Amino acid sequence: MYLWIKAFHIIAVISWMAGMLYLPRLFVYHTAAEPGSQQAKTFEVMEHRLLTYIMTPAMAVTWILGIVLMLQGGWMTAGWLHAKLVLVFGMSALHGLLGRWARDFRAGRNVHSQKFFRLINEIPTILMIIIVILVVVKPF
């Protein structure tokens, strides 16, 4: 059963990461749209659907299956896992911030620039690289 759970965990991670990498890019384009325009409304729908129907369920499945794997694999004392969990908590916090910024766009309260969202777009990539290295290499 462990390998099946692991496979579905990886599928959930890929789905979550796709959204984590795409949503900030949508924000870059949304920032350039005239507030209240049809283009801005289209971005709002896209952002909402991405968060609600893909990212949040994928994050929940990632966490649930990750905890199951941690318990079944007996990894609770592994140092690499502790580091990974810190980074996954960071990724989850960023997910929450992305949700807040999507709500700000819908309410016409965005205060961030395209440059800000371009920088934010790099954070999930960096976290993902470190997490994958920790899981595969298990350096400590």
Protein backbone atom coordinates (compact mmCIF):
# COMPACT_ATOMS: atom_id res chain seq x y z
CA MET A 1 0.00 0.00 0.00
CA TYR A 2 2.92 2.33 0.77
CA LEU A 3 3.93 2.67 -2.91
CA TRP A 4 0.35 3.45 -3.99
CA ILE A 5 0.08 6.14 -1.33
CA LYS A 6 3.45 7.50 -2.42
CA ALA A 7 2.34 7.60 -6.07
CA PHE A 8 -0.83 9.53 -5.22
CA HIS A 9 1.17 11.83 -2.94
CA ILE A 10 3.48 12.67 -5.84
CA ILE A 11 0.49 13.27 -8.15
CA ALA A 12 -1.01 15.63 -5.56
CA VAL A 13 2.32 17.46 -5.15
CA ILE A 14 2.62 17.91 -8.92
CA SER A 15 -0.92 19.30 -9.09
CA TRP A 16 -0.34 21.65 -6.18
CA MET A 17 2.98 22.84 -7.58
CA ALA A 18 1.46 23.49 -11.00
CA GLY A 19 -0.91 25.92 -9.33
CA MET A 20 1.76 27.41 -7.08
CA LEU A 21 3.84 28.20 -10.16
CA TYR A 22 0.94 29.40 -12.33
CA LEU A 23 -1.09 31.57 -9.93
CA PRO A 24 1.62 34.20 -9.31
CA ARG A 25 2.09 34.41 -13.10
CA LEU A 26 -1.65 35.07 -13.44
CA PHE A 27 -1.24 37.83 -10.86
CA VAL A 28 1.53 39.40 -13.00
CA TYR A 29 -0.86 39.60 -15.95
CA HIS A 30 -3.82 40.59 -13.75
CA THR A 31 -1.85 43.53 -12.38
CA ALA A 32 -1.52 44.87 -15.93
CA ALA A 33 -5.29 44.62 -16.56
CA GLU A 34 -7.49 47.65 -15.98
CA PRO A 35 -9.36 47.13 -12.68
CA GLY A 36 -12.99 46.25 -13.33
CA SER A 37 -12.35 45.44 -16.99
CA GLN A 38 -13.55 42.26 -18.66
CA GLN A 39 -9.94 41.07 -18.75
CA ALA A 40 -9.59 41.62 -14.98
CA LYS A 41 -12.84 39.73 -14.36
CA THR A 42 -11.56 36.84 -16.49
CA PHE A 43 -8.37 36.69 -14.39
CA GLU A 44 -10.45 36.73 -11.21
CA VAL A 45 -12.46 33.71 -12.38
CA MET A 46 -9.30 31.87 -13.46
CA GLU A 47 -7.55 32.59 -10.15
CA HIS A 48 -10.57 31.56 -8.09
CA ARG A 49 -11.07 28.29 -9.98
CA LEU A 50 -7.36 27.43 -9.84
CA LEU A 51 -7.28 27.97 -6.07
CA THR A 52 -10.63 26.37 -5.26
CA TYR A 53 -10.73 23.38 -7.57
CA ILE A 54 -7.07 22.46 -8.05
CA MET A 55 -4.61 24.00 -5.61
CA THR A 56 -6.43 23.71 -2.29
CA PRO A 57 -7.64 20.12 -2.78
CA ALA A 58 -4.18 19.13 -4.06
CA MET A 59 -2.55 20.74 -1.02
CA ALA A 60 -4.93 18.88 1.31
CA VAL A 61 -4.25 15.53 -0.38
CA THR A 62 -0.50 16.26 -0.32
CA TRP A 63 -0.60 16.87 3.43
CA ILE A 64 -2.85 13.91 4.24
CA LEU A 65 -0.89 11.39 2.19
CA GLY A 66 2.42 12.89 3.31
CA ILE A 67 1.48 12.34 6.95
CA VAL A 68 0.42 8.77 6.16
CA LEU A 69 3.75 8.13 4.42
CA MET A 70 5.65 9.68 7.32
CA LEU A 71 3.89 7.41 9.81
CA GLN A 72 4.01 4.24 7.70
CA GLY A 73 7.64 4.79 6.72
CA GLY A 74 8.79 5.49 10.25
CA TRP A 75 10.41 8.76 9.21
CA MET A 76 9.39 10.82 12.27
CA THR A 77 12.94 11.10 13.61
CA ALA A 78 14.67 11.75 10.28
CA GLY A 79 16.40 15.12 10.12
CA TRP A 80 15.75 15.54 6.40
CA LEU A 81 12.03 15.12 7.07
CA HIS A 82 12.06 17.83 9.74
CA ALA A 83 13.71 20.22 7.27
CA LYS A 84 11.23 19.21 4.57
CA LEU A 85 8.30 19.84 6.89
CA VAL A 86 9.55 23.34 7.67
CA LEU A 87 9.71 24.05 3.93
CA VAL A 88 6.28 22.49 3.27
CA PHE A 89 4.83 24.66 6.05
CA GLY A 90 6.41 27.61 4.23
CA MET A 91 4.86 26.47 0.95
CA SER A 92 1.49 26.17 2.70
CA ALA A 93 1.84 29.67 4.15
CA LEU A 94 2.62 30.99 0.67
CA HIS A 95 -0.48 29.17 -0.59
CA GLY A 96 -2.49 31.09 2.02
CA LEU A 97 -0.93 34.38 0.92
CA LEU A 98 -1.76 33.64 -2.71
CA GLY A 99 -5.36 33.05 -1.67
CA ARG A 100 -5.41 36.37 0.17
CA TRP A 101 -3.97 38.20 -2.82
CA ALA A 102 -6.56 36.58 -5.12
CA ARG A 103 -9.30 37.85 -2.78
CA ASP A 104 -7.66 41.31 -2.82
CA PHE A 105 -7.80 41.34 -6.62
CA ARG A 106 -11.50 40.36 -6.56
CA ALA A 107 -12.21 43.16 -4.08
CA GLY A 108 -10.21 45.72 -6.07
CA ARG A 109 -7.62 46.05 -3.29
CA ASN A 110 -4.44 44.80 -4.97
CA VAL A 111 -1.49 46.94 -3.87
CA HIS A 112 1.32 44.86 -5.35
CA SER A 113 3.24 45.41 -8.56
CA GLN A 114 4.07 43.06 -11.41
CA LYS A 115 7.65 42.99 -10.13
CA PHE A 116 6.44 41.87 -6.69
CA PHE A 117 4.51 38.95 -8.19
CA ARG A 118 7.43 38.04 -10.47
CA LEU A 119 9.61 37.73 -7.35
CA ILE A 120 6.92 35.78 -5.49
CA ASN A 121 6.76 33.43 -8.49
CA GLU A 122 10.33 32.28 -7.73
CA ILE A 123 9.67 31.21 -4.14
CA PRO A 124 7.75 27.98 -4.90
CA THR A 125 10.44 26.96 -7.37
CA ILE A 126 13.21 27.40 -4.82
CA LEU A 127 11.23 25.59 -2.11
CA MET A 128 10.40 22.75 -4.50
CA ILE A 129 14.04 22.25 -5.50
CA ILE A 130 15.19 22.06 -1.89
CA ILE A 131 12.31 19.75 -0.89
CA VAL A 132 13.00 17.33 -3.74
CA ILE A 133 16.71 17.23 -2.88
CA LEU A 134 15.90 16.55 0.78
CA VAL A 135 13.52 13.69 -0.12
CA VAL A 136 15.72 12.05 -2.74
CA VAL A 137 19.19 12.55 -1.23
CA LYS A 138 18.19 12.46 2.46
CA PRO A 139 21.39 14.33 3.40
CA PHE A 140 20.82 14.04 7.17
